[in-house]
Amino acid sequence: MANEYATLADLKASVEPSISDLEDDVNLSRLLTIASRSIDLECDRYFYSTSDPIYLRGDGTARLNVSPGILTLTEVAVDVDGDSGYSDVWETTEYRLEPTLTTGAAVYPASSVRALDGRYFPADAETLVRLTGTFGWAAVPEVIQQATLMLAIRLWKRASSPLGVSGFGDMGPVYVRSKDEDIARLISPMKRWSVG
């Protein structure tokens, strides 16, 4: 699989009791992928990096919001006549990335492109903007790694709790909660922000 936010070795070591054989590797790898993509959906962004171009529609303003974020931007090109030609290639002086945030060792990607010098992103239904560069995150944030492990462990254990019952206590059945508050708390600051 690709672009998981935690390693199979870390997951195997985190499961109680830890797993040392290879028998469950396929299922555990699948759960890591599911947990990673679930976090992407919850945060409305992804935390790996890719150089696949992004195609967006403008809204007639000078700002274009980009999810999951921009690490580098090498080209802004507009398909002005709907023929997929992208003939309007902007100079690097005609746009800038916003905001650029650094907190400690974590580098947050820019979340939007600002058009300069009277430029704007056209809102025409036929017009697409192509962004070329590197998108996403340079490194997976630690909180996302931890949340991925926690969610994958939860999914692993869920297989042994049919009908949501994880066991029985003095007061009867103990049910698995539908949401894990610790995971939600970890990923909350990482959800996509909007710039104004």
Protein backbone atom coordinates (compact mmCIF):
# COMPACT_ATOMS: atom_id res chain seq x y z
CA MET A 1 0.00 0.00 0.00
CA ALA A 2 1.08 3.63 -0.24
CA ASN A 3 0.96 6.81 1.81
CA GLU A 4 0.12 5.29 5.19
CA TYR A 5 0.81 7.58 8.14
CA ALA A 6 2.33 4.91 10.40
CA THR A 7 4.42 1.83 9.80
CA LEU A 8 3.40 -1.79 9.98
CA ALA A 9 6.18 -2.40 12.52
CA ASP A 10 4.85 0.36 14.79
CA LEU A 11 1.33 -1.03 14.55
CA LYS A 12 2.43 -4.58 15.32
CA ALA A 13 4.36 -3.32 18.36
CA SER A 14 1.40 -1.21 19.55
CA VAL A 15 -1.25 -3.93 19.45
CA GLU A 16 -1.79 -5.73 22.78
CA PRO A 17 -0.38 -8.32 22.85
CA SER A 18 2.20 -7.29 20.26
CA ILE A 19 2.33 -9.29 17.02
CA SER A 20 5.66 -10.69 15.90
CA ASP A 21 4.68 -13.17 13.17
CA LEU A 22 3.80 -12.40 9.54
CA GLU A 23 0.39 -14.08 9.54
CA ASP A 24 -1.65 -10.88 10.04
CA ASP A 25 0.51 -8.49 8.02
CA VAL A 26 -1.94 -8.21 5.08
CA ASN A 27 -4.87 -7.35 7.34
CA LEU A 28 -2.84 -4.96 9.48
CA SER A 29 -1.50 -3.18 6.37
CA ARG A 30 -5.05 -2.84 5.05
CA LEU A 31 -6.16 -1.33 8.37
CA LEU A 32 -3.29 1.20 8.24
CA THR A 33 -4.44 2.27 4.79
CA ILE A 34 -8.08 2.54 5.93
CA ALA A 35 -7.06 4.51 9.03
CA SER A 36 -4.88 6.88 6.98
CA ARG A 37 -7.59 7.58 4.39
CA SER A 38 -10.20 8.02 7.16
CA ILE A 39 -8.03 10.70 8.74
CA ASP A 40 -7.69 12.36 5.31
CA LEU A 41 -11.48 12.51 5.03
CA GLU A 42 -11.94 13.78 8.56
CA CYS A 43 -9.31 16.51 8.13
CA ASP A 44 -10.31 17.39 4.54
CA ARG A 45 -6.67 17.13 3.46
CA TYR A 46 -3.91 14.55 3.14
CA PHE A 47 -0.56 14.49 4.91
CA TYR A 48 1.72 12.93 2.31
CA SER A 49 3.32 14.81 -0.57
CA THR A 50 2.61 14.43 -4.27
CA SER A 51 3.67 16.20 -7.43
CA ASP A 52 0.47 15.41 -9.34
CA PRO A 53 -0.94 18.66 -10.79
CA ILE A 54 -4.08 20.10 -9.17
CA TYR A 55 -6.97 21.41 -11.28
CA LEU A 56 -9.37 23.91 -9.70
CA ARG A 57 -12.07 26.36 -10.69
CA GLY A 58 -11.68 29.97 -9.67
CA ASP A 59 -14.45 32.02 -8.10
CA GLY A 60 -13.68 35.40 -9.66
CA THR A 61 -11.49 36.52 -6.75
CA ALA A 62 -7.76 36.97 -6.30
CA ARG A 63 -7.45 33.98 -3.94
CA LEU A 64 -7.60 30.28 -4.72
CA ASN A 65 -7.82 27.91 -1.74
CA VAL A 66 -5.91 24.68 -2.21
CA SER A 67 -6.49 21.52 -0.23
CA PRO A 68 -4.38 19.71 0.98
CA GLY A 69 -1.85 22.55 0.85
CA ILE A 70 1.10 23.69 -1.23
CA LEU A 71 4.75 22.94 -0.48
CA THR A 72 6.14 24.38 -3.72
CA LEU A 73 4.44 25.98 -6.69
CA THR A 74 6.28 26.03 -10.00
CA GLU A 75 3.47 27.04 -12.36
CA VAL A 76 0.02 28.61 -12.43
CA ALA A 77 -1.66 28.14 -15.80
CA VAL A 78 -5.22 28.96 -16.86
CA ASP A 79 -7.21 27.22 -19.59
CA VAL A 80 -8.88 30.40 -20.87
CA ASP A 81 -10.98 28.88 -23.67
CA GLY A 82 -11.88 25.43 -22.30
CA ASP A 83 -9.71 23.48 -24.75
CA SER A 84 -7.34 22.06 -22.07
CA GLY A 85 -4.55 24.14 -23.58
CA TYR A 86 -3.61 26.13 -20.44
CA SER A 87 -2.18 28.87 -22.64
CA ASP A 88 -2.24 31.61 -19.97
CA VAL A 89 0.89 30.80 -17.93
CA TRP A 90 1.46 33.27 -15.11
CA GLU A 91 4.80 34.80 -14.23
CA THR A 92 6.07 33.99 -10.74
CA THR A 93 5.68 37.68 -9.87
CA GLU A 94 1.93 37.46 -10.54
CA TYR A 95 1.10 35.21 -7.57
CA ARG A 96 2.27 34.28 -4.09
CA LEU A 97 1.54 31.55 -1.57
CA GLU A 98 -0.36 32.34 1.63
CA PRO A 99 0.16 31.83 4.51
CA THR A 100 3.58 30.35 5.13
CA LEU A 101 3.66 29.03 8.68
CA THR A 102 6.47 27.36 10.57
CA THR A 103 5.97 26.05 14.10
CA GLY A 104 9.07 24.47 15.60
CA ALA A 105 10.21 21.70 13.27
CA ALA A 106 6.81 21.40 11.56
CA VAL A 107 6.42 23.21 8.27
CA TYR A 108 2.79 23.84 7.43
CA PRO A 109 1.99 24.00 3.75
CA ALA A 110 0.51 27.16 2.27
CA SER A 111 -3.27 26.92 1.95
CA SER A 112 -3.92 29.33 -0.92
CA VAL A 113 -2.52 31.14 -3.94
CA ARG A 114 -2.97 34.92 -4.06
CA ALA A 115 -3.11 36.56 -7.49
CA LEU A 116 -1.16 39.84 -7.73
CA ASP A 117 -0.98 42.80 -10.11
CA GLY A 118 -4.70 42.93 -10.84
CA ARG A 119 -4.93 39.24 -11.71
CA TYR A 120 -7.80 37.06 -10.53
CA PHE A 121 -8.91 33.45 -10.86
CA PRO A 122 -11.75 33.41 -13.43
CA ALA A 123 -15.09 31.95 -12.36
CA ASP A 124 -16.16 30.81 -15.84
CA ALA A 125 -17.57 27.25 -15.84
CA GLU A 126 -15.35 26.39 -18.82
CA THR A 127 -12.16 27.67 -17.20
CA LEU A 128 -9.82 25.57 -15.08
CA VAL A 129 -6.66 26.59 -13.26
CA ARG A 130 -3.78 24.10 -13.31
CA LEU A 131 -1.30 24.25 -10.45
CA THR A 132 2.02 22.47 -10.86
CA GLY A 133 4.33 21.85 -7.92
CA THR A 134 4.47 19.75 -4.76
CA PHE A 135 1.32 19.44 -2.69
CA GLY A 136 0.51 18.03 0.73
CA TRP A 137 2.98 17.80 3.61
CA ALA A 138 6.76 17.35 3.59
CA ALA A 139 6.58 15.03 6.62
CA VAL A 140 3.66 13.37 8.38
CA PRO A 141 2.96 15.29 11.62
CA GLU A 142 3.48 13.24 14.79
CA VAL A 143 -0.12 13.74 15.91
CA ILE A 144 -1.33 12.26 12.62
CA GLN A 145 1.02 9.28 13.03
CA GLN A 146 -0.31 8.68 16.54
CA ALA A 147 -3.95 9.10 15.53
CA THR A 148 -3.42 6.63 12.65
CA LEU A 149 -1.96 4.03 15.00
CA MET A 150 -4.81 4.51 17.47
CA LEU A 151 -7.46 4.20 14.77
CA ALA A 152 -5.81 1.13 13.20
CA ILE A 153 -5.61 -0.55 16.64
CA ARG A 154 -9.25 0.31 17.24
CA LEU A 155 -10.23 -1.24 13.89
CA TRP A 156 -8.12 -4.34 14.64
CA LYS A 157 -9.80 -4.85 18.01
CA ARG A 158 -13.22 -4.10 16.55
CA ALA A 159 -13.05 -7.40 14.66
CA SER A 160 -13.17 -9.24 18.01
CA SER A 161 -16.08 -7.19 19.36
CA PRO A 162 -19.16 -8.42 17.47
CA LEU A 163 -22.18 -6.12 17.62
CA GLY A 164 -20.02 -3.49 19.31
CA VAL A 165 -19.64 -5.41 22.59
CA SER A 166 -16.03 -5.41 23.78
CA GLY A 167 -16.68 -7.45 26.92
CA PHE A 168 -18.81 -7.82 30.00
CA GLY A 169 -18.45 -6.06 33.32
CA ASP A 170 -20.32 -6.03 36.62
CA MET A 171 -23.05 -3.87 35.06
CA GLY A 172 -23.44 -5.93 31.90
CA PRO A 173 -22.01 -5.54 28.39
CA VAL A 174 -19.29 -2.96 27.70
CA TYR A 175 -19.90 -1.32 24.32
CA VAL A 176 -17.37 0.16 21.91
CA ARG A 177 -17.94 3.89 21.52
CA SER A 178 -18.79 5.05 18.03
CA LYS A 179 -16.11 7.81 18.15
CA ASP A 180 -12.79 7.92 19.94
CA GLU A 181 -12.48 11.31 21.65
CA ASP A 182 -8.69 11.03 21.92
CA ILE A 183 -8.31 10.54 18.16
CA ALA A 184 -10.69 13.44 17.50
CA ARG A 185 -8.69 15.65 19.88
CA LEU A 186 -5.39 14.75 18.19
CA ILE A 187 -6.52 15.53 14.66
CA SER A 188 -8.67 18.57 15.48
CA PRO A 189 -5.86 21.16 15.03
CA MET A 190 -4.83 19.48 11.78
CA LYS A 191 -8.16 19.93 10.03
CA ARG A 192 -7.99 22.12 6.96
CA TRP A 193 -8.13 25.81 7.73
CA SER A 194 -9.73 28.36 5.48
CA VAL A 195 -8.10 31.68 4.75
CA GLY A 196 -10.31 34.55 4.68
